[in-house]
Amino acid sequence: MAGSIADRPLALLLHGFGEFWWSWRHQFSALSAAGYRVVAVDLRGYGDSDKPPRGYDGWTLAGDTHGLIRALGHSQATLVGHADGGLVCWATATLHPRSVAHIAVLASPHPRALRQSVWTNRRERDAFLGPFLHDQLPRLGERRLTRDGGAYLEDYFRSRSGTQWRDTPDFDEAVTRNRLAITIPGVAHSSLEYRRWAFRSQFRTDGYRFMDLMNKRLHIPVLALRGREDRYIVDSVMAASSHWSSDFEYREVPDAGHFVHEENPEHVNAALLDLLDR
């Protein structure tokens, strides 16, 4: 492609809980070959990013992403996010609509759809609410994440992934790298602050305001992906997210659980390229 890499359209990749930028390793080549400038970042508080004591709310995270797009020399980007990164996609596209061309959300329903499903769908509530309640307790969540060199993350990945990925060298490498990343000073606390704000805000004025602002329909292409073996985010809540998009495509990915972009990257990459062509 002629011109510098900064002349390419920007694809910004946003990871999920317990991970860091490296989780998108399987997407770099496919999106770059399609002519995109691909940037994967550590979200606020993760990896080598800054770890301020606050700012893990939907508004600030959307502002981080909007500012990053501008800092990279672009006025607009395609956002691809997994889990917590998907929430950032929804929030940035809603609160800074001129900065976002498309979004792809992986195992990350619209926050209003997720809230409704947690209260009304017992299967989603059983899968989702327990860990969030545990993580509200000061220091206990941090100790669980960092104990024995981040051993909890291996159980976390094993319990949420599909059957095929668990027995591969790629799974072992992912677990090893993410265990190291969670033990970086400050990362465990910062990563749990996402969950603490998400839960506590449901009962506070700032949460009501955020959900009110999020009650807008997007008019950009939205791709939603969920691994068919995902027991953490159920099918119905992903499908219900279509209410907040006028151009919504939902696909289930075979042979994958919660970490769909790592478990079946070929299928995910093909879906992402279809989105970018729209």
C-alpha atoms as a PDB file:
ATOM      1  CA  MET A   1       0.000   0.000   0.000  1.00  0.00           C
ATOM      2  CA  ALA A   2       1.439   3.380  -0.985  1.00  0.00           C
ATOM      3  CA  GLY A   3       2.240   6.032   1.600  1.00  0.00           C
ATOM      4  CA  SER A   4       3.269   5.760   5.225  1.00  0.00           C
ATOM      5  CA  ILE A   5       1.614   3.489   7.727  1.00  0.00           C
ATOM      6  CA  ALA A   6      -0.057   6.539   9.307  1.00  0.00           C
ATOM      7  CA  ASP A   7      -1.986   7.037   6.059  1.00  0.00           C
ATOM      8  CA  ARG A   8      -3.803   3.734   6.568  1.00  0.00           C
ATOM      9  CA  PRO A   9      -7.154   3.588   8.373  1.00  0.00           C
ATOM     10  CA  LEU A  10      -6.680   2.823  12.048  1.00  0.00           C
ATOM     11  CA  ALA A  11      -7.834  -0.389  13.738  1.00  0.00           C
ATOM     12  CA  LEU A  12      -7.519  -0.089  17.517  1.00  0.00           C
ATOM     13  CA  LEU A  13      -7.607  -3.360  19.482  1.00  0.00           C
ATOM     14  CA  LEU A  14      -8.721  -3.329  23.141  1.00  0.00           C
ATOM     15  CA  HIS A  15      -8.156  -6.394  25.328  1.00  0.00           C
ATOM     16  CA  GLY A  16     -10.272  -7.869  28.116  1.00  0.00           C
ATOM     17  CA  PHE A  17      -9.918  -8.705  31.808  1.00  0.00           C
ATOM     18  CA  GLY A  18      -6.757 -10.504  32.862  1.00  0.00           C
ATOM     19  CA  GLU A  19      -4.974  -9.882  29.549  1.00  0.00           C
ATOM     20  CA  PHE A  20      -2.872  -7.225  27.837  1.00  0.00           C
ATOM     21  CA  TRP A  21      -2.122  -6.069  24.286  1.00  0.00           C
ATOM     22  CA  TRP A  22      -0.508  -9.417  23.351  1.00  0.00           C
ATOM     23  CA  SER A  23      -3.906 -11.150  23.307  1.00  0.00           C
ATOM     24  CA  TRP A  24      -4.412  -9.777  19.769  1.00  0.00           C
ATOM     25  CA  ARG A  25      -1.296 -11.500  18.359  1.00  0.00           C
ATOM     26  CA  HIS A  26      -3.374 -13.539  15.878  1.00  0.00           C
ATOM     27  CA  GLN A  27      -5.074 -10.468  14.401  1.00  0.00           C
ATOM     28  CA  PHE A  28      -2.051  -8.310  13.550  1.00  0.00           C
ATOM     29  CA  SER A  29      -1.050  -9.898  10.250  1.00  0.00           C
ATOM     30  CA  ALA A  30      -4.570 -10.342   8.871  1.00  0.00           C
ATOM     31  CA  LEU A  31      -5.642  -6.745   9.509  1.00  0.00           C
ATOM     32  CA  SER A  32      -2.316  -5.274   8.410  1.00  0.00           C
ATOM     33  CA  ALA A  33      -2.449  -7.250   5.145  1.00  0.00           C
ATOM     34  CA  ALA A  34      -5.909  -5.781   4.541  1.00  0.00           C
ATOM     35  CA  GLY A  35      -4.406  -2.282   4.591  1.00  0.00           C
ATOM     36  CA  TYR A  36      -5.056  -1.208   8.170  1.00  0.00           C
ATOM     37  CA  ARG A  37      -2.759   0.402  10.677  1.00  0.00           C
ATOM     38  CA  VAL A  38      -3.177  -1.997  13.596  1.00  0.00           C
ATOM     39  CA  VAL A  39      -2.552  -0.770  17.134  1.00  0.00           C
ATOM     40  CA  ALA A  40      -3.108  -2.919  20.222  1.00  0.00           C
ATOM     41  CA  VAL A  41      -2.763  -1.156  23.557  1.00  0.00           C
ATOM     42  CA  ASP A  42      -2.729  -1.918  27.257  1.00  0.00           C
ATOM     43  CA  LEU A  43      -5.910  -0.471  28.715  1.00  0.00           C
ATOM     44  CA  ARG A  44      -5.658   1.958  31.619  1.00  0.00           C
ATOM     45  CA  GLY A  45      -4.062   0.159  34.554  1.00  0.00           C
ATOM     46  CA  TYR A  46      -2.851  -2.885  32.616  1.00  0.00           C
ATOM     47  CA  GLY A  47       0.636  -3.862  31.479  1.00  0.00           C
ATOM     48  CA  ASP A  48       2.921  -0.859  31.116  1.00  0.00           C
ATOM     49  CA  SER A  49       0.149   1.742  30.982  1.00  0.00           C
ATOM     50  CA  ASP A  50      -0.355   4.334  33.709  1.00  0.00           C
ATOM     51  CA  LYS A  51      -2.113   3.108  36.869  1.00  0.00           C
ATOM     52  CA  PRO A  52      -3.906   6.113  38.346  1.00  0.00           C
ATOM     53  CA  PRO A  53      -6.035   5.619  41.459  1.00  0.00           C
ATOM     54  CA  ARG A  54      -9.256   6.391  39.609  1.00  0.00           C
ATOM     55  CA  GLY A  55     -10.663   6.710  36.095  1.00  0.00           C
ATOM     56  CA  TYR A  56     -11.924   3.160  35.503  1.00  0.00           C
ATOM     57  CA  ASP A  57     -15.435   4.316  34.656  1.00  0.00           C
ATOM     58  CA  GLY A  58     -17.101   4.235  31.246  1.00  0.00           C
ATOM     59  CA  TRP A  59     -16.747   7.961  30.591  1.00  0.00           C
ATOM     60  CA  THR A  60     -13.018   8.109  31.320  1.00  0.00           C
ATOM     61  CA  LEU A  61     -12.211   4.931  29.401  1.00  0.00           C
ATOM     62  CA  ALA A  62     -14.094   6.259  26.378  1.00  0.00           C
ATOM     63  CA  GLY A  63     -12.163   9.515  26.723  1.00  0.00           C
ATOM     64  CA  ASP A  64      -8.886   7.568  26.847  1.00  0.00           C
ATOM     65  CA  THR A  65      -9.738   5.869  23.564  1.00  0.00           C
ATOM     66  CA  HIS A  66     -10.923   9.056  21.881  1.00  0.00           C
ATOM     67  CA  GLY A  67      -7.712  10.802  22.947  1.00  0.00           C
ATOM     68  CA  LEU A  68      -5.562   7.907  21.762  1.00  0.00           C
ATOM     69  CA  ILE A  69      -7.114   8.023  18.295  1.00  0.00           C
ATOM     70  CA  ARG A  70      -6.202  11.705  18.070  1.00  0.00           C
ATOM     71  CA  ALA A  71      -2.728  11.161  19.530  1.00  0.00           C
ATOM     72  CA  LEU A  72      -2.030   8.570  16.835  1.00  0.00           C
ATOM     73  CA  GLY A  73      -2.797  11.195  14.198  1.00  0.00           C
ATOM     74  CA  HIS A  74      -6.245   9.965  13.164  1.00  0.00           C
ATOM     75  CA  SER A  75      -9.698  11.486  13.346  1.00  0.00           C
ATOM     76  CA  GLN A  76     -11.493   8.151  13.242  1.00  0.00           C
ATOM     77  CA  ALA A  77     -10.849   4.464  13.940  1.00  0.00           C
ATOM     78  CA  THR A  78     -12.368   1.025  13.869  1.00  0.00           C
ATOM     79  CA  LEU A  79     -12.519  -0.343  17.413  1.00  0.00           C
ATOM     80  CA  VAL A  80     -12.258  -4.047  18.226  1.00  0.00           C
ATOM     81  CA  GLY A  81     -12.739  -5.034  21.854  1.00  0.00           C
ATOM     82  CA  HIS A  82     -12.966  -8.189  23.923  1.00  0.00           C
ATOM     83  CA  ALA A  83     -14.910  -8.294  27.230  1.00  0.00           C
ATOM     84  CA  ASP A  84     -13.958  -5.076  29.119  1.00  0.00           C
ATOM     85  CA  GLY A  85     -12.437  -3.769  25.893  1.00  0.00           C
ATOM     86  CA  GLY A  86     -15.798  -4.291  24.224  1.00  0.00           C
ATOM     87  CA  LEU A  87     -17.461  -2.086  26.832  1.00  0.00           C
ATOM     88  CA  VAL A  88     -14.942   0.599  25.883  1.00  0.00           C
ATOM     89  CA  CYS A  89     -15.966   0.139  22.236  1.00  0.00           C
ATOM     90  CA  TRP A  90     -19.666   0.609  23.032  1.00  0.00           C
ATOM     91  CA  ALA A  91     -18.956   3.640  25.228  1.00  0.00           C
ATOM     92  CA  THR A  92     -16.568   5.364  22.816  1.00  0.00           C
ATOM     93  CA  ALA A  93     -18.882   4.875  19.838  1.00  0.00           C
ATOM     94  CA  THR A  94     -21.802   6.305  21.834  1.00  0.00           C
ATOM     95  CA  LEU A  95     -20.054   9.188  23.606  1.00  0.00           C
ATOM     96  CA  HIS A  96     -17.598  10.136  20.800  1.00  0.00           C
ATOM     97  CA  PRO A  97     -19.469   9.057  17.664  1.00  0.00           C
ATOM     98  CA  ARG A  98     -17.408  11.069  15.184  1.00  0.00           C
ATOM     99  CA  SER A  99     -14.277   9.161  16.209  1.00  0.00           C
ATOM    100  CA  VAL A 100     -15.572   5.672  15.434  1.00  0.00           C
ATOM    101  CA  ALA A 101     -16.171   4.124  11.993  1.00  0.00           C
ATOM    102  CA  HIS A 102     -17.086   0.559  13.041  1.00  0.00           C
ATOM    103  CA  ILE A 103     -16.953  -1.527  16.188  1.00  0.00           C
ATOM    104  CA  ALA A 104     -16.486  -5.245  16.739  1.00  0.00           C
ATOM    105  CA  VAL A 105     -17.349  -6.526  20.217  1.00  0.00           C
ATOM    106  CA  LEU A 106     -16.207 -10.006  21.258  1.00  0.00           C
ATOM    107  CA  ALA A 107     -18.010 -11.620  24.195  1.00  0.00           C
ATOM    108  CA  SER A 108     -19.079  -8.108  25.175  1.00  0.00           C
ATOM    109  CA  PRO A 109     -22.787  -7.250  25.049  1.00  0.00           C
ATOM    110  CA  HIS A 110     -24.131  -3.722  25.232  1.00  0.00           C
ATOM    111  CA  PRO A 111     -23.986  -2.635  28.911  1.00  0.00           C
ATOM    112  CA  ARG A 112     -27.728  -2.064  29.089  1.00  0.00           C
ATOM    113  CA  ALA A 113     -28.410  -5.504  27.626  1.00  0.00           C
ATOM    114  CA  LEU A 114     -26.005  -7.076  30.111  1.00  0.00           C
ATOM    115  CA  ARG A 115     -27.581  -5.294  33.063  1.00  0.00           C
ATOM    116  CA  GLN A 116     -31.040  -6.450  32.062  1.00  0.00           C
ATOM    117  CA  SER A 117     -29.860 -10.026  31.499  1.00  0.00           C
ATOM    118  CA  VAL A 118     -28.093 -10.229  34.874  1.00  0.00           C
ATOM    119  CA  TRP A 119     -31.321  -9.298  36.645  1.00  0.00           C
ATOM    120  CA  THR A 120     -33.703 -11.403  34.538  1.00  0.00           C
ATOM    121  CA  ASN A 121     -31.716 -14.377  33.199  1.00  0.00           C
ATOM    122  CA  ARG A 122     -30.703 -16.842  35.895  1.00  0.00           C
ATOM    123  CA  ARG A 123     -28.035 -18.487  33.737  1.00  0.00           C
ATOM    124  CA  GLU A 124     -26.305 -15.161  33.070  1.00  0.00           C
ATOM    125  CA  ARG A 125     -26.690 -14.080  36.684  1.00  0.00           C
ATOM    126  CA  ASP A 126     -25.138 -17.304  37.995  1.00  0.00           C
ATOM    127  CA  ALA A 127     -22.174 -17.001  35.601  1.00  0.00           C
ATOM    128  CA  PHE A 128     -21.584 -13.289  35.970  1.00  0.00           C
ATOM    129  CA  LEU A 129     -22.645 -11.990  39.368  1.00  0.00           C
ATOM    130  CA  GLY A 130     -20.617 -14.236  41.695  1.00  0.00           C
ATOM    131  CA  PRO A 131     -17.152 -13.094  40.557  1.00  0.00           C
ATOM    132  CA  PHE A 132     -18.270  -9.466  40.548  1.00  0.00           C
ATOM    133  CA  LEU A 133     -19.521  -9.686  44.126  1.00  0.00           C
ATOM    134  CA  HIS A 134     -16.281 -11.310  45.317  1.00  0.00           C
ATOM    135  CA  ASP A 135     -14.189  -8.617  43.658  1.00  0.00           C
ATOM    136  CA  GLN A 136     -15.960  -5.814  45.552  1.00  0.00           C
ATOM    137  CA  LEU A 137     -14.091  -6.806  48.729  1.00  0.00           C
ATOM    138  CA  PRO A 138     -10.941  -4.715  49.295  1.00  0.00           C
ATOM    139  CA  ARG A 139      -7.613  -6.530  48.870  1.00  0.00           C
ATOM    140  CA  LEU A 140      -9.085 -10.035  48.687  1.00  0.00           C
ATOM    141  CA  GLY A 141      -9.497  -9.870  44.919  1.00  0.00           C
ATOM    142  CA  GLU A 142      -5.956  -8.579  44.479  1.00  0.00           C
ATOM    143  CA  ARG A 143      -4.552 -11.376  46.624  1.00  0.00           C
ATOM    144  CA  ARG A 144      -6.446 -13.979  44.652  1.00  0.00           C
ATOM    145  CA  LEU A 145      -5.110 -12.647  41.340  1.00  0.00           C
ATOM    146  CA  THR A 146      -1.472 -12.426  42.395  1.00  0.00           C
ATOM    147  CA  ARG A 147      -1.144 -15.462  44.692  1.00  0.00           C
ATOM    148  CA  ASP A 148       1.368 -18.119  43.516  1.00  0.00           C
ATOM    149  CA  GLY A 149       2.525 -16.028  40.584  1.00  0.00           C
ATOM    150  CA  GLY A 150      -0.946 -15.428  39.163  1.00  0.00           C
ATOM    151  CA  ALA A 151      -2.038 -19.080  39.328  1.00  0.00           C
ATOM    152  CA  TYR A 152      -5.690 -18.000  39.482  1.00  0.00           C
ATOM    153  CA  LEU A 153      -5.487 -16.886  35.860  1.00  0.00           C
ATOM    154  CA  GLU A 154      -4.822 -20.420  34.664  1.00  0.00           C
ATOM    155  CA  ASP A 155      -8.051 -21.585  36.313  1.00  0.00           C
ATOM    156  CA  TYR A 156      -9.829 -18.525  34.926  1.00  0.00           C
ATOM    157  CA  PHE A 157      -8.719 -19.224  31.361  1.00  0.00           C
ATOM    158  CA  ARG A 158      -9.318 -22.949  31.611  1.00  0.00           C
ATOM    159  CA  SER A 159     -12.846 -22.568  32.964  1.00  0.00           C
ATOM    160  CA  ARG A 160     -13.934 -20.022  30.338  1.00  0.00           C
ATOM    161  CA  SER A 161     -12.237 -21.373  27.216  1.00  0.00           C
ATOM    162  CA  GLY A 162     -13.515 -24.020  24.811  1.00  0.00           C
ATOM    163  CA  THR A 163     -12.320 -27.596  24.804  1.00  0.00           C
ATOM    164  CA  GLN A 164      -9.976 -27.442  21.798  1.00  0.00           C
ATOM    165  CA  TRP A 165      -7.766 -24.507  22.808  1.00  0.00           C
ATOM    166  CA  ARG A 166      -7.013 -25.799  26.313  1.00  0.00           C
ATOM    167  CA  ASP A 167      -4.725 -28.588  25.092  1.00  0.00           C
ATOM    168  CA  THR A 168      -2.567 -26.469  22.781  1.00  0.00           C
ATOM    169  CA  PRO A 169       0.858 -24.816  23.203  1.00  0.00           C
ATOM    170  CA  ASP A 170      -0.820 -21.501  22.356  1.00  0.00           C
ATOM    171  CA  PHE A 171      -3.032 -21.839  25.443  1.00  0.00           C
ATOM    172  CA  ASP A 172      -0.030 -22.621  27.631  1.00  0.00           C
ATOM    173  CA  GLU A 173       1.841 -19.587  26.313  1.00  0.00           C
ATOM    174  CA  ALA A 174      -1.181 -17.331  26.834  1.00  0.00           C
ATOM    175  CA  VAL A 175      -1.535 -18.466  30.432  1.00  0.00           C
ATOM    176  CA  THR A 176       2.187 -18.005  31.116  1.00  0.00           C
ATOM    177  CA  ARG A 177       2.310 -14.492  29.685  1.00  0.00           C
ATOM    178  CA  ASN A 178      -0.901 -13.344  31.370  1.00  0.00           C
ATOM    179  CA  ARG A 179       0.245 -14.712  34.739  1.00  0.00           C
ATOM    180  CA  LEU A 180       3.371 -12.616  34.421  1.00  0.00           C
ATOM    181  CA  ALA A 181       1.400  -9.545  33.364  1.00  0.00           C
ATOM    182  CA  ILE A 182      -1.048  -9.700  36.288  1.00  0.00           C
ATOM    183  CA  THR A 183       1.843  -9.632  38.785  1.00  0.00           C
ATOM    184  CA  ILE A 184       3.149  -6.276  37.509  1.00  0.00           C
ATOM    185  CA  PRO A 185       2.744  -3.936  40.491  1.00  0.00           C
ATOM    186  CA  GLY A 186      -0.623  -2.203  40.415  1.00  0.00           C
ATOM    187  CA  VAL A 187      -2.162  -4.279  37.623  1.00  0.00           C
ATOM    188  CA  ALA A 188      -4.279  -6.536  39.823  1.00  0.00           C
ATOM    189  CA  HIS A 189      -5.817  -3.577  41.642  1.00  0.00           C
ATOM    190  CA  SER A 190      -6.415  -1.565  38.483  1.00  0.00           C
ATOM    191  CA  SER A 191      -8.009  -4.472  36.610  1.00  0.00           C
ATOM    192  CA  LEU A 192     -10.426  -5.069  39.486  1.00  0.00           C
ATOM    193  CA  GLU A 193     -11.384  -1.393  39.562  1.00  0.00           C
ATOM    194  CA  TYR A 194     -13.168  -1.950  36.222  1.00  0.00           C
ATOM    195  CA  ARG A 195     -15.378  -4.563  37.883  1.00  0.00           C
ATOM    196  CA  ARG A 196     -15.864  -2.521  41.016  1.00  0.00           C
ATOM    197  CA  TRP A 197     -17.066   0.502  39.108  1.00  0.00           C
ATOM    198  CA  ALA A 198     -19.296  -1.627  36.842  1.00  0.00           C
ATOM    199  CA  PHE A 199     -21.059  -3.143  39.862  1.00  0.00           C
ATOM    200  CA  ARG A 200     -21.183  -0.187  42.253  1.00  0.00           C
ATOM    201  CA  SER A 201     -22.276   2.272  39.596  1.00  0.00           C
ATOM    202  CA  GLN A 202     -25.545   0.382  39.225  1.00  0.00           C
ATOM    203  CA  PHE A 203     -26.582   1.862  42.589  1.00  0.00           C
ATOM    204  CA  ARG A 204     -25.123   5.356  42.230  1.00  0.00           C
ATOM    205  CA  THR A 205     -26.026   8.527  40.393  1.00  0.00           C
ATOM    206  CA  ASP A 206     -23.021   8.322  38.067  1.00  0.00           C
ATOM    207  CA  GLY A 207     -24.115   4.854  36.962  1.00  0.00           C
ATOM    208  CA  TYR A 208     -27.655   6.013  36.235  1.00  0.00           C
ATOM    209  CA  ARG A 209     -26.290   8.905  34.179  1.00  0.00           C
ATOM    210  CA  PHE A 210     -23.934   6.624  32.271  1.00  0.00           C
ATOM    211  CA  MET A 211     -26.695   4.150  31.424  1.00  0.00           C
ATOM    212  CA  ASP A 212     -28.949   6.989  30.308  1.00  0.00           C
ATOM    213  CA  LEU A 213     -26.246   8.279  27.974  1.00  0.00           C
ATOM    214  CA  MET A 214     -25.692   4.761  26.643  1.00  0.00           C
ATOM    215  CA  ASN A 215     -29.366   4.443  25.705  1.00  0.00           C
ATOM    216  CA  LYS A 216     -28.731   5.627  22.146  1.00  0.00           C
ATOM    217  CA  ARG A 217     -28.818   3.689  18.917  1.00  0.00           C
ATOM    218  CA  LEU A 218     -25.588   3.508  16.966  1.00  0.00           C
ATOM    219  CA  HIS A 219     -25.731   4.029  13.217  1.00  0.00           C
ATOM    220  CA  ILE A 220     -22.367   2.533  12.310  1.00  0.00           C
ATOM    221  CA  PRO A 221     -21.670  -1.120  11.453  1.00  0.00           C
ATOM    222  CA  VAL A 222     -21.495  -3.230  14.617  1.00  0.00           C
ATOM    223  CA  LEU A 223     -20.200  -6.811  14.629  1.00  0.00           C
ATOM    224  CA  ALA A 224     -20.848  -8.946  17.707  1.00  0.00           C
ATOM    225  CA  LEU A 225     -19.032 -12.262  18.131  1.00  0.00           C
ATOM    226  CA  ARG A 226     -19.450 -14.955  20.768  1.00  0.00           C
ATOM    227  CA  GLY A 227     -17.775 -18.328  21.063  1.00  0.00           C
ATOM    228  CA  ARG A 228     -20.344 -21.097  20.871  1.00  0.00           C
ATOM    229  CA  GLU A 229     -18.856 -22.718  24.005  1.00  0.00           C
ATOM    230  CA  ASP A 230     -18.837 -19.499  26.042  1.00  0.00           C
ATOM    231  CA  ARG A 231     -20.509 -20.252  29.396  1.00  0.00           C
ATOM    232  CA  TYR A 232     -19.845 -16.769  30.778  1.00  0.00           C
ATOM    233  CA  ILE A 233     -21.698 -14.586  28.260  1.00  0.00           C
ATOM    234  CA  VAL A 234     -24.866 -16.265  27.042  1.00  0.00           C
ATOM    235  CA  ASP A 235     -26.273 -16.173  23.530  1.00  0.00           C
ATOM    236  CA  SER A 236     -29.426 -14.213  24.369  1.00  0.00           C
ATOM    237  CA  VAL A 237     -27.622 -11.207  25.852  1.00  0.00           C
ATOM    238  CA  MET A 238     -25.391 -10.831  22.784  1.00  0.00           C
ATOM    239  CA  ALA A 239     -28.391 -11.019  20.474  1.00  0.00           C
ATOM    240  CA  ALA A 240     -30.313  -8.482  22.598  1.00  0.00           C
ATOM    241  CA  SER A 241     -27.569  -5.911  21.964  1.00  0.00           C
ATOM    242  CA  SER A 242     -29.036  -5.395  18.484  1.00  0.00           C
ATOM    243  CA  HIS A 243     -31.560  -3.009  20.086  1.00  0.00           C
ATOM    244  CA  TRP A 244     -28.791  -0.387  20.309  1.00  0.00           C
ATOM    245  CA  SER A 245     -27.605  -0.635  16.707  1.00  0.00           C
ATOM    246  CA  SER A 246     -29.303  -0.015  13.379  1.00  0.00           C
ATOM    247  CA  ASP A 247     -26.581  -1.983  11.527  1.00  0.00           C
ATOM    248  CA  PHE A 248     -25.928  -5.031  13.698  1.00  0.00           C
ATOM    249  CA  GLU A 249     -24.504  -8.407  12.784  1.00  0.00           C
ATOM    250  CA  TYR A 250     -24.211 -11.178  15.354  1.00  0.00           C
ATOM    251  CA  ARG A 251     -22.213 -14.356  14.741  1.00  0.00           C
ATOM    252  CA  GLU A 252     -21.468 -17.363  16.893  1.00  0.00           C
ATOM    253  CA  VAL A 253     -17.972 -18.738  16.412  1.00  0.00           C
ATOM    254  CA  PRO A 254     -17.535 -22.534  16.506  1.00  0.00           C
ATOM    255  CA  ASP A 255     -14.813 -24.292  18.503  1.00  0.00           C
ATOM    256  CA  ALA A 256     -14.374 -21.355  20.862  1.00  0.00           C
ATOM    257  CA  GLY A 257     -15.317 -20.231  24.345  1.00  0.00           C
ATOM    258  CA  HIS A 258     -14.924 -16.817  25.955  1.00  0.00           C
ATOM    259  CA  PHE A 259     -11.533 -15.977  24.378  1.00  0.00           C
ATOM    260  CA  VAL A 260     -12.880 -16.258  20.883  1.00  0.00           C
ATOM    261  CA  HIS A 261     -10.166 -14.243  19.084  1.00  0.00           C
ATOM    262  CA  GLU A 262      -7.442 -16.489  20.510  1.00  0.00           C
ATOM    263  CA  GLU A 263      -9.294 -19.795  20.245  1.00  0.00           C
ATOM    264  CA  ASN A 264     -10.483 -19.559  16.634  1.00  0.00           C
ATOM    265  CA  PRO A 265      -8.550 -16.661  15.077  1.00  0.00           C
ATOM    266  CA  GLU A 266      -9.154 -17.704  11.479  1.00  0.00           C
ATOM    267  CA  HIS A 267     -12.918 -17.450  11.881  1.00  0.00           C
ATOM    268  CA  VAL A 268     -12.668 -14.200  13.839  1.00  0.00           C
ATOM    269  CA  ASN A 269     -10.262 -12.610  11.370  1.00  0.00           C
ATOM    270  CA  ALA A 270     -12.568 -13.436   8.463  1.00  0.00           C
ATOM    271  CA  ALA A 271     -15.482 -11.838  10.295  1.00  0.00           C
ATOM    272  CA  LEU A 272     -13.435  -8.734  11.097  1.00  0.00           C
ATOM    273  CA  LEU A 273     -12.388  -8.351   7.451  1.00  0.00           C
ATOM    274  CA  ASP A 274     -16.037  -8.621   6.397  1.00  0.00           C
ATOM    275  CA  LEU A 275     -16.862  -5.809   8.847  1.00  0.00           C
ATOM    276  CA  LEU A 276     -14.067  -3.597   7.557  1.00  0.00           C
ATOM    277  CA  ASP A 277     -15.315  -4.023   3.992  1.00  0.00           C
ATOM    278  CA  ARG A 278     -18.750  -2.681   4.919  1.00  0.00           C
END
